């Protein structure tokens, strides 16, 4: 008799837990947990717009990209993350390889908006914005007709004049991966060696620091992402504004494959408690309404081709983009890091 009573108590507790679990899941239907590396006012504005349009509350968990990915790894199947937003195709590929993402549901909608090279081949992530990795040069010291390609930066005329950040930076790793994909490993290694030979100083600082160094006369040409220039030209920091005013933007490789581009992107978390809402957010962020906010507020290139660029970007002119599939930036990341090490790029 005691055993029967005990079994009944266990069964009652079990079903009570199941009911609590269901009610808990139901209460989360109108909430979305966004793990994001981006920290821009434009994103806050877009999440507010999404909440107003759908009634779905957006909970933002903000941290560095690698920390968010590691957090999802440690959380495993218990992770509350619904979407991951981060910058650089290399990081998006890393999240996919670690089994942290699942395919999006509205493939046809996405295909109709974004070029195929900006979508993971298995639809585990899609691009939200584009940024080009360009050359900026000192207006008073460099004739822009002397600039041509990334590859020609190894020429003797640039000895002691190049500025770039560390090889540990994902932006540089992805640029290197694109060189490997387009030119082959041997050429890519020689390219890295040539840039090390021509560097004005050992790599340090972020992209903004490279621009400031050009303005200060430490070097003549730097490798940076376009949106940093846009932000510096519209900064409240006088130092940044003055530095950006002293440089101009050059888009390399316009007579062959085009300028290297990268993206910020989004994917649905593998164990998302609310995948339906996650996919709604993705579709919203790709809409013309949202893409216009990205373009105008953060000086990024929209992935929705119906949206015009900001006036800052228009001033730099149109340019030919490298249409390399961005999966390769992730697939060749390890090779890029090895080649950097072999070339002595610190």
Protein backbone atom coordinates (compact mmCIF):
# COMPACT_ATOMS: atom_id res chain seq x y z
CA UNK A 1 0.00 0.00 0.00
CA UNK A 2 2.79 2.40 0.90
CA UNK A 3 4.46 1.67 -2.46
CA UNK A 4 1.22 2.46 -4.33
CA UNK A 5 0.84 5.78 -2.48
CA UNK A 6 4.47 6.63 -3.19
CA UNK A 7 4.04 5.87 -6.90
CA UNK A 8 0.91 8.03 -7.03
CA UNK A 9 2.78 10.92 -5.41
CA UNK A 10 5.65 10.59 -7.89
CA UNK A 11 3.24 10.48 -10.85
CA UNK A 12 1.37 13.53 -9.54
CA UNK A 13 4.64 15.44 -9.15
CA UNK A 14 5.75 14.39 -12.63
CA UNK A 15 2.59 15.64 -14.34
CA UNK A 16 2.63 18.81 -12.28
CA UNK A 17 6.17 19.50 -13.50
CA UNK A 18 5.11 18.84 -17.08
CA UNK A 19 2.20 21.26 -16.74
CA UNK A 20 4.46 23.88 -15.17
CA UNK A 21 6.92 23.41 -18.02
CA UNK A 22 4.20 23.90 -20.62
CA UNK A 23 2.83 26.99 -18.94
CA UNK A 24 6.38 28.35 -18.65
CA UNK A 25 6.99 27.77 -22.36
CA UNK A 26 3.70 29.40 -23.21
CA UNK A 27 4.58 32.49 -21.21
CA UNK A 28 7.73 32.84 -23.33
CA UNK A 29 5.84 32.91 -26.64
CA UNK A 30 5.87 36.69 -26.58
CA UNK A 31 9.53 37.01 -25.61
CA UNK A 32 12.71 36.73 -27.62
CA UNK A 33 16.24 36.41 -26.21
CA UNK A 34 18.79 38.07 -28.48
CA UNK A 35 22.47 37.33 -27.92
CA UNK A 36 24.25 40.12 -29.75
CA UNK A 37 27.77 41.42 -30.21
CA UNK A 38 26.46 44.61 -31.84
CA UNK A 39 26.11 47.60 -29.51
CA UNK A 40 24.67 50.33 -31.69
CA UNK A 41 21.77 52.73 -31.18
CA UNK A 42 20.39 51.59 -34.53
CA UNK A 43 19.89 48.08 -33.16
CA UNK A 44 18.10 49.35 -30.04
CA UNK A 45 15.79 51.36 -32.27
CA UNK A 46 15.07 48.32 -34.44
CA UNK A 47 14.30 46.06 -31.48
CA UNK A 48 11.84 48.69 -30.22
CA UNK A 49 10.23 48.86 -33.65
CA UNK A 50 9.94 45.05 -33.73
CA UNK A 51 8.35 44.99 -30.27
CA UNK A 52 5.80 47.61 -31.30
CA UNK A 53 4.97 45.82 -34.55
CA UNK A 54 4.70 42.27 -33.18
CA UNK A 55 4.04 42.57 -29.45
CA UNK A 56 7.05 40.32 -28.85
CA UNK A 57 9.34 41.54 -26.09
CA UNK A 58 13.05 41.55 -26.99
CA UNK A 59 15.51 40.72 -24.21
CA UNK A 60 19.02 41.78 -25.24
CA UNK A 61 22.08 39.95 -23.92
CA UNK A 62 25.09 41.94 -25.08
CA UNK A 63 28.72 40.86 -24.90
CA UNK A 64 31.81 40.22 -27.01
CA UNK A 65 31.30 37.78 -29.87
CA UNK A 66 33.60 35.03 -28.60
CA UNK A 67 32.09 35.29 -25.11
CA UNK A 68 28.56 34.88 -26.47
CA UNK A 69 29.55 31.86 -28.53
CA UNK A 70 31.26 30.27 -25.52
CA UNK A 71 28.23 31.07 -23.37
CA UNK A 72 25.98 29.21 -25.81
CA UNK A 73 28.39 26.26 -25.84
CA UNK A 74 28.35 26.02 -22.04
CA UNK A 75 24.56 26.42 -21.84
CA UNK A 76 24.01 23.64 -24.35
CA UNK A 77 20.42 22.47 -24.75
CA UNK A 78 19.41 24.66 -21.80
CA UNK A 79 20.44 27.85 -23.57
CA UNK A 80 17.72 30.54 -23.52
CA UNK A 81 19.18 32.16 -26.66
CA UNK A 82 16.76 32.53 -29.57
CA UNK A 83 19.08 34.30 -31.99
CA UNK A 84 22.77 35.11 -32.26
CA UNK A 85 23.82 38.37 -33.90
CA UNK A 86 27.51 38.97 -34.49
CA UNK A 87 29.96 40.58 -36.89
CA UNK A 88 32.14 38.85 -39.47
CA UNK A 89 31.33 35.74 -41.49
CA UNK A 90 34.24 33.98 -39.79
CA UNK A 91 32.48 34.16 -36.43
CA UNK A 92 29.14 33.14 -37.90
CA UNK A 93 30.83 30.11 -39.43
CA UNK A 94 32.41 29.29 -36.06
CA UNK A 95 29.00 29.33 -34.37
CA UNK A 96 27.62 27.04 -37.07
CA UNK A 97 30.55 24.61 -36.76
CA UNK A 98 30.02 24.40 -33.02
CA UNK A 99 26.42 23.31 -33.62
CA UNK A 100 24.89 26.45 -32.13
CA UNK A 101 22.60 27.40 -35.02
CA UNK A 102 19.70 25.91 -36.97
CA UNK A 103 18.42 26.68 -40.49
CA UNK A 104 16.09 29.64 -40.94
CA UNK A 105 12.51 28.78 -41.89
CA UNK A 106 11.71 31.37 -44.57
CA UNK A 107 14.35 30.52 -47.16
CA UNK A 108 12.37 31.80 -50.16
CA UNK A 109 11.82 35.21 -48.57
CA UNK A 110 15.51 35.50 -47.72
CA UNK A 111 16.57 34.36 -51.20
CA UNK A 112 14.41 37.09 -52.70
CA UNK A 113 16.13 39.80 -50.66
CA UNK A 114 19.81 38.88 -50.25
CA UNK A 115 22.46 37.81 -52.79
CA UNK A 116 23.30 34.12 -52.36
CA UNK A 117 26.95 34.75 -51.41
CA UNK A 118 25.71 36.53 -48.24
CA UNK A 119 23.70 33.52 -47.02
CA UNK A 120 25.17 30.42 -45.39
CA UNK A 121 24.94 27.51 -47.82
CA UNK A 122 22.89 25.58 -45.24
CA UNK A 123 20.89 28.68 -44.21
CA UNK A 124 22.27 28.64 -40.66
CA UNK A 125 22.97 32.37 -40.86
CA UNK A 126 22.16 35.32 -43.09
CA UNK A 127 23.78 38.72 -43.51
CA UNK A 128 22.15 41.83 -42.02
CA UNK A 129 24.60 44.52 -43.15
CA UNK A 130 27.75 44.79 -45.24
CA UNK A 131 31.00 46.63 -44.64
CA UNK A 132 33.91 46.87 -47.07
CA UNK A 133 37.53 46.46 -45.94
CA UNK A 134 39.20 49.29 -47.79
CA UNK A 135 42.36 51.34 -47.94
CA UNK A 136 42.42 54.82 -46.44
CA UNK A 137 45.23 57.13 -47.40
CA UNK A 138 46.65 60.50 -46.40
CA UNK A 139 45.18 63.08 -48.76
CA UNK A 140 48.27 65.27 -48.63
CA UNK A 141 50.87 62.53 -49.14
CA UNK A 142 49.38 59.87 -51.40
CA UNK A 143 48.31 60.11 -55.03
CA UNK A 144 45.24 57.80 -55.27
CA UNK A 145 46.31 56.74 -58.78
CA UNK A 146 49.26 54.97 -57.13
CA UNK A 147 46.83 52.64 -55.35
CA UNK A 148 45.46 49.59 -57.16
CA UNK A 149 44.97 46.27 -55.36
CA UNK A 150 45.48 44.61 -51.99
CA UNK A 151 48.18 42.53 -53.66
CA UNK A 152 50.16 45.59 -54.83
CA UNK A 153 50.66 46.77 -51.25
CA UNK A 154 53.74 44.54 -51.26
CA UNK A 155 55.50 46.82 -53.79
CA UNK A 156 58.68 48.60 -52.61
CA UNK A 157 57.02 52.03 -52.92
CA UNK A 158 54.98 51.25 -49.78
CA UNK A 159 57.92 50.25 -47.58
CA UNK A 160 57.51 51.78 -44.13
CA UNK A 161 54.14 53.29 -45.04
CA UNK A 162 51.47 50.66 -44.23
CA UNK A 163 49.33 50.51 -41.10
CA UNK A 164 47.13 47.62 -40.02
CA UNK A 165 45.97 45.90 -36.88
CA UNK A 166 46.98 42.55 -35.42
CA UNK A 167 46.64 39.22 -37.21
CA UNK A 168 44.52 38.06 -34.26
CA UNK A 169 41.79 40.40 -35.48
CA UNK A 170 38.96 38.53 -37.22
CA UNK A 171 38.59 41.26 -39.88
CA UNK A 172 42.17 40.73 -41.01
CA UNK A 173 41.80 36.97 -40.81
CA UNK A 174 38.79 37.13 -43.13
CA UNK A 175 40.64 39.43 -45.53
CA UNK A 176 43.49 36.94 -45.56
CA UNK A 177 41.03 34.10 -46.16
CA UNK A 178 39.71 35.99 -49.18
CA UNK A 179 43.27 36.34 -50.52
CA UNK A 180 43.76 32.59 -50.09
CA UNK A 181 40.46 31.87 -51.86
CA UNK A 182 41.21 34.18 -54.76
CA UNK A 183 44.99 33.87 -55.19
CA UNK A 184 46.00 30.58 -53.55
CA UNK A 185 48.03 29.80 -50.43
CA UNK A 186 51.49 30.52 -51.82
CA UNK A 187 50.55 33.97 -53.10
CA UNK A 188 48.66 34.72 -49.88
CA UNK A 189 51.69 33.89 -47.76
CA UNK A 190 53.96 36.10 -49.90
CA UNK A 191 51.36 38.86 -49.64
CA UNK A 192 51.37 38.70 -45.85
CA UNK A 193 55.18 38.67 -45.80
CA UNK A 194 55.24 41.69 -48.10
CA UNK A 195 52.89 43.67 -45.87
CA UNK A 196 54.99 42.86 -42.81
CA UNK A 197 58.05 44.07 -44.76
CA UNK A 198 56.25 47.33 -45.63
CA UNK A 199 54.64 48.05 -42.24
CA UNK A 200 55.21 51.46 -40.70
CA UNK A 201 55.06 50.03 -37.19
CA UNK A 202 54.15 46.77 -35.48
CA UNK A 203 50.38 46.16 -35.54
CA UNK A 204 48.46 47.71 -32.67
CA UNK A 205 45.11 49.27 -31.91
CA UNK A 206 41.75 49.03 -33.67
CA UNK A 207 40.62 50.37 -37.05
CA UNK A 208 40.08 53.88 -35.71
CA UNK A 209 43.64 53.88 -34.36
CA UNK A 210 44.97 53.10 -37.84
CA UNK A 211 43.15 56.15 -39.22
CA UNK A 212 44.53 58.34 -36.42
CA UNK A 213 48.02 57.04 -37.13
CA UNK A 214 47.72 58.01 -40.81
CA UNK A 215 46.56 61.49 -39.76
CA UNK A 216 49.52 61.74 -37.36
CA UNK A 217 51.97 60.88 -40.13
CA UNK A 218 53.02 57.47 -38.75
CA UNK A 219 52.13 55.86 -42.06
CA UNK A 220 50.45 56.76 -45.33
CA UNK A 221 47.98 53.93 -46.00
CA UNK A 222 45.84 51.86 -43.62
CA UNK A 223 43.47 48.89 -43.95
CA UNK A 224 40.12 49.58 -42.26
CA UNK A 225 36.39 48.83 -42.42
CA UNK A 226 34.25 51.48 -44.08
CA UNK A 227 31.73 51.94 -41.29
CA UNK A 228 34.47 53.10 -38.91
CA UNK A 229 35.25 55.97 -41.28
CA UNK A 230 31.57 56.90 -41.40
CA UNK A 231 31.38 56.94 -37.63
CA UNK A 232 34.54 59.00 -37.27
CA UNK A 233 33.32 61.57 -39.80
CA UNK A 234 30.20 62.00 -37.69
CA UNK A 235 31.79 61.68 -34.26
CA UNK A 236 31.41 64.08 -31.35
CA UNK A 237 35.07 63.38 -30.59
CA UNK A 238 37.05 66.18 -32.23
CA UNK A 239 40.18 64.02 -32.47
CA UNK A 240 38.32 61.37 -34.47
CA UNK A 241 36.65 63.94 -36.69
CA UNK A 242 39.90 65.71 -37.51
CA UNK A 243 41.69 62.42 -38.24
CA UNK A 244 38.95 61.23 -40.58
CA UNK A 245 38.99 64.55 -42.43
CA UNK A 246 42.64 64.01 -43.32
CA UNK A 247 42.13 60.69 -45.11
CA UNK A 248 40.26 59.47 -48.17
CA UNK A 249 38.78 56.07 -49.03
CA UNK A 250 40.08 53.83 -51.82
CA UNK A 251 38.34 50.64 -53.01
CA UNK A 252 40.97 48.09 -54.09
CA UNK A 253 40.79 45.57 -56.97
CA UNK A 254 38.21 47.42 -59.03
CA UNK A 255 39.69 46.10 -62.27
CA UNK A 256 39.47 42.46 -61.24
CA UNK A 257 37.50 40.65 -58.53
CA UNK A 258 36.38 43.69 -56.53
CA UNK A 259 36.82 44.93 -52.96
CA UNK A 260 36.61 42.49 -50.07
CA UNK A 261 33.38 42.74 -48.11
CA UNK A 262 32.24 41.22 -44.85
CA UNK A 263 29.00 41.28 -42.91
CA UNK A 264 27.24 41.39 -39.62
CA UNK A 265 24.77 38.53 -39.51
CA UNK A 266 22.12 36.64 -37.62
CA UNK A 267 21.19 33.02 -37.01
CA UNK A 268 18.49 31.14 -35.12
CA UNK A 269 19.91 29.43 -32.02
CA UNK A 270 19.93 25.62 -32.20
CA UNK A 271 17.92 25.24 -29.00
CA UNK A 272 15.79 28.38 -29.34
CA UNK A 273 12.74 28.30 -27.02
CA UNK A 274 10.91 30.48 -29.54
CA UNK A 275 12.13 29.78 -33.10
CA UNK A 276 8.98 31.20 -34.68
CA UNK A 277 9.63 34.61 -33.12
CA UNK A 278 13.33 34.30 -34.00
CA UNK A 279 12.48 33.89 -37.67
CA UNK A 280 10.06 36.80 -37.48
CA UNK A 281 12.90 38.98 -36.20
CA UNK A 282 15.16 37.93 -39.06
CA UNK A 283 12.50 38.76 -41.65
CA UNK A 284 11.88 42.10 -39.96
CA UNK A 285 15.57 43.04 -39.91
CA UNK A 286 15.79 42.32 -43.64
CA UNK A 287 12.74 44.45 -44.43
CA UNK A 288 13.14 47.76 -46.23
CA UNK A 289 12.01 49.60 -43.10
CA UNK A 290 14.74 48.05 -40.95
CA UNK A 291 17.45 48.09 -43.59
CA UNK A 292 17.00 51.82 -43.99
CA UNK A 293 17.73 52.28 -40.28
CA UNK A 294 20.92 50.21 -40.59
CA UNK A 295 22.02 52.22 -43.62
CA UNK A 296 21.34 55.69 -42.28
CA UNK A 297 22.23 55.25 -38.62
CA UNK A 298 25.37 53.15 -38.68
CA UNK A 299 27.04 53.87 -42.03
CA UNK A 300 26.81 50.24 -43.11
CA UNK A 301 25.86 48.99 -46.55
CA UNK A 302 22.35 47.46 -46.59
CA UNK A 303 21.97 43.88 -47.82
CA UNK A 304 18.49 44.67 -49.11
CA UNK A 305 19.32 46.08 -52.53
CA UNK A 306 16.17 48.24 -52.61
CA UNK A 307 17.67 50.54 -49.98
CA UNK A 308 19.95 53.45 -50.81
CA UNK A 309 23.23 54.03 -49.06
CA UNK A 310 23.71 56.89 -46.61
CA UNK A 311 25.00 60.20 -47.94
CA UNK A 312 28.42 59.49 -46.43
CA UNK A 313 28.74 56.23 -48.35
CA UNK A 314 27.35 57.79 -51.53
CA UNK A 315 30.11 60.39 -51.37
CA UNK A 316 32.71 57.62 -51.70
CA UNK A 317 31.04 56.39 -54.88
CA UNK A 318 29.86 53.01 -56.12
CA UNK A 319 32.31 50.15 -56.19
CA UNK A 320 32.63 46.59 -57.39
CA UNK A 321 32.31 44.01 -54.60
CA UNK A 322 34.12 40.70 -54.43
CA UNK A 323 31.27 38.17 -54.78
CA UNK A 324 33.21 35.39 -53.08
CA UNK A 325 30.80 33.22 -51.07
CA UNK A 326 31.32 34.25 -47.46
CA UNK A 327 31.27 30.65 -46.24
CA UNK A 328 34.85 30.52 -47.48
CA UNK A 329 35.93 33.19 -45.02
CA UNK A 330 35.06 30.80 -42.20
CA UNK A 331 36.24 27.64 -43.94
CA UNK A 332 39.67 29.17 -44.62
CA UNK A 333 40.05 30.92 -41.27
CA UNK A 334 42.46 28.38 -39.77
CA UNK A 335 44.60 28.45 -42.90
CA UNK A 336 44.65 32.25 -42.76
CA UNK A 337 45.87 32.22 -39.14
CA UNK A 338 48.62 29.71 -39.97
CA UNK A 339 49.81 31.78 -42.92
CA UNK A 340 49.85 34.93 -40.81
CA UNK A 341 52.02 33.17 -38.23
CA UNK A 342 54.38 31.86 -40.91
CA UNK A 343 54.66 35.36 -42.40
CA UNK A 344 55.50 36.93 -39.02
CA UNK A 345 52.38 39.14 -38.96
CA UNK A 346 52.05 39.78 -35.24
